[in-house]
Amino acid sequence: MVQCSLIIRSFNEEKHIGRLLQGIAKQTLFPFVEVILVDSGSTDETVAIAESHGAIIVHIKPEDFSFGKAINVGCAVANGEFLLFASAHVYPLYTDWLQKMLSPFEQPKVALVYGRQVGNELTKYSEHQLFKKWFPAVSNYEQVIPFCNNANAVIRKELWLQQPYDVQLTGLEDLDWATKIQTKGYVIAYEAYAPIVHVHEETPSRIKNRYRREAIALKNIYPEEKFSFWSFIRLTTTNIWSDAIHAIHDGKFFVSIASIIMFRTMQFWGTYLGYSTKAKPDETLRMRIYYPNDFRRKLFKKRETESHLGFGEKINYTEMEYSSYEKE
């Protein structure tokens, strides 16, 4: 019997997806899990790696991609009672990750559970600070705010059938879904004891792009929200200062300060640009914010031609050292 369907969205993730699939195979609930990969045009070995691990492969065209669209496509073919979402560049730390993610659903009003996220040695210092802020070490099984994150989250399929994800949003489809489901009287739970490592290897332009598309989405979800140029200056300055103080305390100031300045500047500049975008996202904008330049050029050229309980057993990954952040 399939108890849980794990849905992974992917695009050129050959460097990371093998570790995620390896971690899934070591889960205590693995015999009751089906793995579905929704791929949006990978040109590397992502799909082949997933197939070698027995994943069900679903393809969508790059020009049709949105985060909500990819999730809905995966959910539509899923057989599980619960739908768990994981980014292709994450991996679980413990063998009871899936078990811990599903445990809160013993309460019938729980609609969504999201788990903790931490970084590793590749994670920029400021993003470590974000993980600590957004994903604390204490669980909350009746969260008041609708915050969640689909890099490590699970919902009831029966509720997805009633309320699919918004395919028009450029990001934050998880926040939108959680906001709507809470208004129906359902509960969101946060599980601190189901951590995954979330690996972001982003250039400054990709960081800016990520926060830009999320700001465009946030403006659509909460139209009353504002983000001015003064907000950019204020938040960039205060967050650089805060990160620098933490880096001094951690003895990492000199090795991290350049990264801190870059990350926080790109984070809030991207947010400002997103809030300043007046046009609704069309295909050209969506391609620009989802895909890197080299892939967009190849695609458009082709189209022109064609028209709560503590941690369980830790997973030992091959050829890998854990950083101090993963041990916290």
Protein backbone atom coordinates (compact mmCIF):
# COMPACT_ATOMS: atom_id res chain seq x y z
CA MET A 1 0.00 0.00 0.00
CA VAL A 2 1.21 3.49 -0.86
CA GLN A 3 0.82 5.66 2.21
CA CYS A 4 2.78 8.66 0.96
CA SER A 5 3.68 10.02 -2.46
CA LEU A 6 6.88 12.04 -2.49
CA ILE A 7 6.89 14.62 -5.29
CA ILE A 8 10.14 16.20 -6.44
CA ARG A 9 10.33 19.12 -8.85
CA SER A 10 13.53 19.15 -10.86
CA PHE A 11 15.55 20.96 -13.49
CA ASN A 12 19.20 19.98 -14.05
CA GLU A 13 19.76 18.60 -10.53
CA GLU A 14 22.18 15.75 -11.29
CA LYS A 15 24.61 17.04 -8.67
CA HIS A 16 22.13 16.74 -5.79
CA ILE A 17 19.21 14.47 -6.59
CA GLY A 18 21.11 11.22 -6.07
CA ARG A 19 21.74 12.09 -2.43
CA LEU A 20 18.06 12.86 -1.88
CA LEU A 21 16.98 9.57 -3.43
CA GLN A 22 19.59 7.73 -1.40
CA GLY A 23 18.18 9.28 1.77
CA ILE A 24 14.62 8.39 0.80
CA ALA A 25 15.59 4.75 0.29
CA LYS A 26 16.90 4.63 3.87
CA GLN A 27 13.64 5.82 5.42
CA THR A 28 11.83 3.54 7.83
CA LEU A 29 8.63 4.11 5.84
CA PHE A 30 10.25 3.62 2.44
CA PRO A 31 8.21 0.47 1.53
CA PHE A 32 5.06 2.59 1.74
CA VAL A 33 6.33 5.49 -0.39
CA GLU A 34 6.21 6.16 -4.11
CA VAL A 35 8.61 8.71 -5.56
CA ILE A 36 7.45 10.97 -8.40
CA LEU A 37 9.85 13.24 -10.27
CA VAL A 38 8.28 16.14 -12.16
CA ASP A 39 10.99 17.30 -14.56
CA SER A 40 10.75 20.51 -16.55
CA GLY A 41 13.28 19.92 -19.29
CA SER A 42 16.52 18.78 -17.68
CA THR A 43 19.41 18.45 -20.12
CA ASP A 44 21.74 16.60 -17.73
CA GLU A 45 21.47 13.18 -16.05
CA THR A 46 18.75 14.13 -13.55
CA VAL A 47 16.05 11.95 -15.09
CA ALA A 48 18.38 8.97 -15.60
CA ILE A 49 19.49 9.10 -11.96
CA ALA A 50 15.87 9.23 -10.77
CA GLU A 51 14.89 6.33 -13.02
CA SER A 52 17.75 4.25 -11.63
CA HIS A 53 16.22 4.71 -8.16
CA GLY A 54 12.80 3.60 -9.33
CA ALA A 55 11.13 7.00 -9.47
CA ILE A 56 8.05 7.63 -11.58
CA ILE A 57 8.94 10.28 -14.15
CA VAL A 58 6.52 12.97 -15.30
CA HIS A 59 7.57 15.58 -17.85
CA ILE A 60 6.31 19.11 -18.35
CA LYS A 61 7.47 21.59 -20.97
CA PRO A 62 9.74 24.36 -19.67
CA GLU A 63 7.43 27.01 -21.08
CA ASP A 64 4.53 25.51 -19.08
CA PHE A 65 6.42 25.50 -15.79
CA SER A 66 5.42 27.23 -12.61
CA PHE A 67 5.96 25.88 -9.10
CA GLY A 68 2.24 25.38 -8.62
CA LYS A 69 1.87 23.73 -12.02
CA ALA A 70 4.67 21.25 -11.36
CA ILE A 71 3.22 20.29 -8.00
CA ASN A 72 -0.29 19.86 -9.39
CA VAL A 73 1.00 17.61 -12.17
CA GLY A 74 2.78 15.41 -9.62
CA CYS A 75 -0.20 15.33 -7.28
CA ALA A 76 -2.51 14.29 -10.12
CA VAL A 77 -0.62 11.02 -10.68
CA ALA A 78 0.07 10.35 -6.98
CA ASN A 79 -1.56 7.38 -5.25
CA GLY A 80 -0.71 8.24 -1.65
CA GLU A 81 -3.05 9.50 1.02
CA PHE A 82 -0.41 12.10 1.83
CA LEU A 83 1.56 14.22 -0.65
CA LEU A 84 5.06 15.13 0.44
CA PHE A 85 7.09 17.72 -1.45
CA ALA A 86 10.86 17.96 -1.53
CA SER A 87 13.18 20.11 -3.61
CA ALA A 88 15.63 18.16 -5.72
CA HIS A 89 18.54 19.85 -3.89
CA VAL A 90 17.62 18.75 -0.37
CA TYR A 91 18.35 15.57 1.55
CA PRO A 92 17.12 14.20 4.91
CA LEU A 93 19.40 13.79 7.90
CA TYR A 94 17.59 10.94 9.68
CA THR A 95 15.94 7.67 8.75
CA ASP A 96 12.66 8.63 10.44
CA TRP A 97 12.22 11.86 8.45
CA LEU A 98 9.08 10.63 6.66
CA GLN A 99 7.67 9.10 9.82
CA LYS A 100 8.06 12.38 11.72
CA MET A 101 6.52 14.38 8.88
CA LEU A 102 3.40 12.21 8.86
CA SER A 103 2.95 11.88 12.63
CA PRO A 104 1.05 15.18 13.20
CA PHE A 105 -1.68 14.02 10.81
CA GLU A 106 -3.02 11.88 13.64
CA GLN A 107 -4.94 15.07 14.41
CA PRO A 108 -7.75 15.27 11.82
CA LYS A 109 -7.66 19.06 11.50
CA VAL A 110 -3.98 19.13 10.47
CA ALA A 111 -3.84 19.95 6.76
CA LEU A 112 -0.15 20.63 6.26
CA VAL A 113 3.09 19.78 8.01
CA TYR A 114 6.41 21.37 7.13
CA GLY A 115 9.77 20.38 8.51
CA ARG A 116 12.96 22.05 9.58
CA GLN A 117 15.62 23.13 7.08
CA VAL A 118 19.33 23.60 7.75
CA GLY A 119 22.34 24.35 5.59
CA ASN A 120 25.68 22.68 5.05
CA GLU A 121 29.21 23.77 4.25
CA LEU A 122 28.08 25.20 0.88
CA THR A 123 25.43 27.44 2.41
CA LYS A 124 26.12 31.17 2.60
CA TYR A 125 26.34 32.60 6.11
CA SER A 126 23.28 34.82 5.75
CA GLU A 127 21.19 31.90 4.56
CA HIS A 128 22.21 29.98 7.66
CA GLN A 129 20.77 32.89 9.63
CA LEU A 130 17.55 32.73 7.62
CA PHE A 131 17.22 29.00 8.27
CA LYS A 132 17.63 29.56 12.01
CA LYS A 133 14.98 32.29 11.95
CA TRP A 134 12.42 30.56 9.74
CA PHE A 135 12.97 26.99 10.94
CA PRO A 136 13.64 26.99 14.70
CA ALA A 137 14.60 23.98 16.80
CA VAL A 138 11.20 23.84 18.53
CA SER A 139 8.12 22.24 16.95
CA ASN A 140 4.76 23.98 16.71
CA TYR A 141 1.76 21.74 16.03
CA GLU A 142 -0.82 24.53 15.83
CA GLN A 143 0.87 27.39 14.03
CA VAL A 144 -1.04 30.66 13.86
CA ILE A 145 0.61 32.18 10.77
CA PRO A 146 0.38 30.54 7.30
CA PHE A 147 4.14 30.33 6.74
CA CYS A 148 5.45 27.03 5.34
CA ASN A 149 7.87 25.87 2.66
CA ASN A 150 7.40 23.22 -0.01
CA ALA A 151 11.06 22.23 0.02
CA ASN A 152 10.05 20.01 2.95
CA ALA A 153 6.28 19.80 3.41
CA VAL A 154 3.37 17.34 3.27
CA ILE A 155 -0.38 17.79 2.82
CA ARG A 156 -3.48 15.58 2.69
CA LYS A 157 -4.35 14.60 -0.87
CA GLU A 158 -8.07 14.96 -0.20
CA LEU A 159 -7.47 18.64 0.55
CA TRP A 160 -5.36 19.12 -2.57
CA LEU A 161 -8.26 17.71 -4.61
CA GLN A 162 -10.45 20.43 -3.12
CA GLN A 163 -7.81 23.13 -3.42
CA PRO A 164 -5.02 22.69 -6.02
CA TYR A 165 -2.03 25.01 -6.05
CA ASP A 166 -2.23 28.32 -7.91
CA VAL A 167 -0.41 27.82 -11.23
CA GLN A 168 -0.14 31.54 -11.99
CA LEU A 169 2.05 32.51 -9.05
CA THR A 170 5.79 32.94 -9.69
CA GLY A 171 6.58 31.49 -6.28
CA LEU A 172 5.20 31.15 -2.73
CA GLU A 173 2.51 28.76 -3.93
CA ASP A 174 2.97 27.08 -0.55
CA LEU A 175 2.18 30.26 1.38
CA ASP A 176 -0.86 30.88 -0.82
CA TRP A 177 -2.17 27.32 -0.27
CA ALA A 178 -1.60 27.52 3.48
CA THR A 179 -3.30 30.90 3.73
CA LYS A 180 -6.40 29.60 1.98
CA ILE A 181 -6.55 26.31 3.89
CA GLN A 182 -6.29 28.07 7.26
CA THR A 183 -9.35 30.18 6.43
CA LYS A 184 -11.26 26.89 6.11
CA GLY A 185 -10.47 25.99 9.71
CA TYR A 186 -7.53 23.65 9.14
CA VAL A 187 -4.26 23.60 11.07
CA ILE A 188 -0.65 23.99 9.95
CA ALA A 189 2.03 22.14 11.93
CA TYR A 190 5.78 22.66 12.07
CA GLU A 191 7.98 19.63 12.85
CA ALA A 192 11.46 20.55 14.05
CA TYR A 193 12.53 16.91 14.35
CA ALA A 194 12.18 16.18 10.62
CA PRO A 195 15.12 18.20 9.25
CA ILE A 196 16.48 18.26 5.74
CA VAL A 197 19.62 19.94 4.42
CA HIS A 198 18.69 22.53 1.79
CA VAL A 199 21.59 23.23 -0.56
CA HIS A 200 21.60 26.52 -2.45
CA GLU A 201 24.55 27.11 -4.76
CA GLU A 202 23.49 30.41 -6.27
CA THR A 203 25.26 33.25 -8.02
CA PRO A 204 24.34 36.79 -6.96
CA SER A 205 22.02 37.13 -9.95
CA ARG A 206 20.21 33.91 -9.04
CA ILE A 207 19.74 35.09 -5.46
CA LYS A 208 18.28 38.35 -6.76
CA ASN A 209 16.06 36.42 -9.16
CA ARG A 210 14.75 34.10 -6.42
CA TYR A 211 13.65 36.95 -4.20
CA ARG A 212 12.30 38.91 -7.15
CA ARG A 213 9.91 36.15 -8.22
CA GLU A 214 8.86 35.56 -4.61
CA ALA A 215 8.09 39.28 -4.23
CA ILE A 216 6.00 39.23 -7.42
CA ALA A 217 4.04 36.33 -5.96
CA LEU A 218 3.71 37.93 -2.53
CA LYS A 219 2.30 41.07 -4.12
CA ASN A 220 -0.39 38.93 -5.75
CA ILE A 221 -1.20 37.00 -2.57
CA TYR A 222 -1.27 40.07 -0.32
CA PRO A 223 -1.98 43.09 -2.58
CA GLU A 224 -1.94 45.48 0.36
CA GLU A 225 1.74 44.77 1.12
CA LYS A 226 4.28 47.45 0.10
CA PHE A 227 8.06 47.47 -0.30
CA SER A 228 9.64 50.83 -1.05
CA PHE A 229 13.19 51.82 -1.95
CA TRP A 230 13.53 52.98 1.66
CA SER A 231 12.52 49.45 2.72
CA PHE A 232 15.36 48.11 0.57
CA ILE A 233 17.90 50.46 2.21
CA ARG A 234 16.64 49.86 5.74
CA LEU A 235 16.36 46.06 5.57
CA THR A 236 19.64 45.61 3.71
CA THR A 237 21.51 47.72 6.25
CA THR A 238 19.96 46.20 9.36
CA ASN A 239 20.35 42.62 8.17
CA ILE A 240 23.98 43.11 7.13
CA TRP A 241 24.63 44.58 10.57
CA SER A 242 22.83 41.73 12.34
CA ASP A 243 24.63 39.04 10.33
CA ALA A 244 27.97 40.71 10.90
CA ILE A 245 27.41 40.73 14.67
CA HIS A 246 26.51 37.03 14.60
CA ALA A 247 29.54 36.29 12.43
CA ILE A 248 31.82 38.02 14.92
CA HIS A 249 30.29 35.95 17.72
CA ASP A 250 30.80 32.76 15.66
CA GLY A 251 34.38 33.69 14.73
CA LYS A 252 33.49 33.82 11.03
CA PHE A 253 33.44 37.55 10.33
CA PHE A 254 36.42 37.85 7.98
CA VAL A 255 35.52 34.78 5.92
CA SER A 256 31.83 35.72 5.73
CA ILE A 257 31.51 39.50 5.51
CA ALA A 258 31.75 39.72 1.70
CA SER A 259 29.16 36.96 1.33
CA ILE A 260 26.89 38.66 3.88
CA ILE A 261 26.95 41.98 2.04
CA MET A 262 26.34 40.31 -1.31
CA PHE A 263 23.52 38.03 -0.13
CA ARG A 264 21.55 40.63 1.80
CA THR A 265 21.91 43.22 -0.96
CA MET A 266 20.70 40.79 -3.62
CA GLN A 267 17.93 39.50 -1.34
CA PHE A 268 16.33 42.89 -0.78
CA TRP A 269 17.17 44.36 -4.18
CA GLY A 270 15.39 41.40 -5.77
CA THR A 271 12.47 41.97 -3.40
CA TYR A 272 12.31 45.63 -4.38
CA LEU A 273 12.40 44.77 -8.07
CA GLY A 274 9.64 42.22 -7.60
CA TYR A 275 7.36 44.70 -5.85
CA SER A 276 8.15 47.24 -8.58
CA THR A 277 7.06 44.89 -11.37
CA LYS A 278 3.74 46.17 -12.69
CA ALA A 279 3.00 43.74 -15.51
CA LYS A 280 1.44 40.37 -14.83
CA PRO A 281 3.89 37.50 -15.41
CA ASP A 282 3.73 36.34 -19.02
CA GLU A 283 5.67 33.48 -20.62
CA THR A 284 8.75 35.62 -21.30
CA LEU A 285 8.93 36.81 -17.70
CA ARG A 286 8.33 33.34 -16.31
CA MET A 287 11.10 31.88 -18.47
CA ARG A 288 13.43 34.63 -17.31
CA ILE A 289 12.84 34.03 -13.62
CA TYR A 290 12.76 30.22 -13.69
CA TYR A 291 15.59 29.30 -16.06
CA PRO A 292 19.23 30.37 -16.52
CA ASN A 293 20.25 32.35 -19.61
CA ASP A 294 22.01 29.54 -21.46
CA PHE A 295 18.97 27.25 -21.18
CA ARG A 296 16.58 29.99 -22.31
CA ARG A 297 18.68 30.65 -25.39
CA LYS A 298 18.71 26.95 -26.30
CA LEU A 299 14.99 26.59 -25.70
CA PHE A 300 13.92 29.60 -27.72
CA LYS A 301 16.30 28.67 -30.53
CA LYS A 302 14.76 25.19 -30.57
CA ARG A 303 11.24 26.62 -30.58
CA GLU A 304 12.10 28.93 -33.46
CA THR A 305 13.24 25.85 -35.33
CA GLU A 306 10.34 23.67 -34.31
CA SER A 307 7.82 26.45 -33.61
CA HIS A 308 8.21 16.43 18.41
CA LEU A 309 10.11 13.10 19.67
CA GLY A 310 13.79 13.63 19.12
CA PHE A 311 15.93 12.57 16.18
CA GLY A 312 16.09 9.08 14.73
CA GLU A 313 19.06 7.27 13.22
CA LYS A 314 21.36 9.53 11.23
CA ILE A 315 21.82 8.71 7.55
CA ASN A 316 25.39 8.07 6.45
CA TYR A 317 25.81 9.35 2.90
CA THR A 318 28.72 8.13 0.84
CA GLU A 319 31.67 10.47 0.32
CA MET A 320 30.29 13.26 2.44
CA GLU A 321 31.28 15.18 5.57
CA TYR A 322 28.67 16.89 7.69
CA SER A 323 29.19 20.48 8.66
CA SER A 324 28.71 21.88 12.15
CA TYR A 325 25.39 23.39 11.07
CA GLU A 326 23.93 19.94 10.36
CA LYS A 327 24.88 18.76 13.83
CA GLU A 328 23.02 21.54 15.64
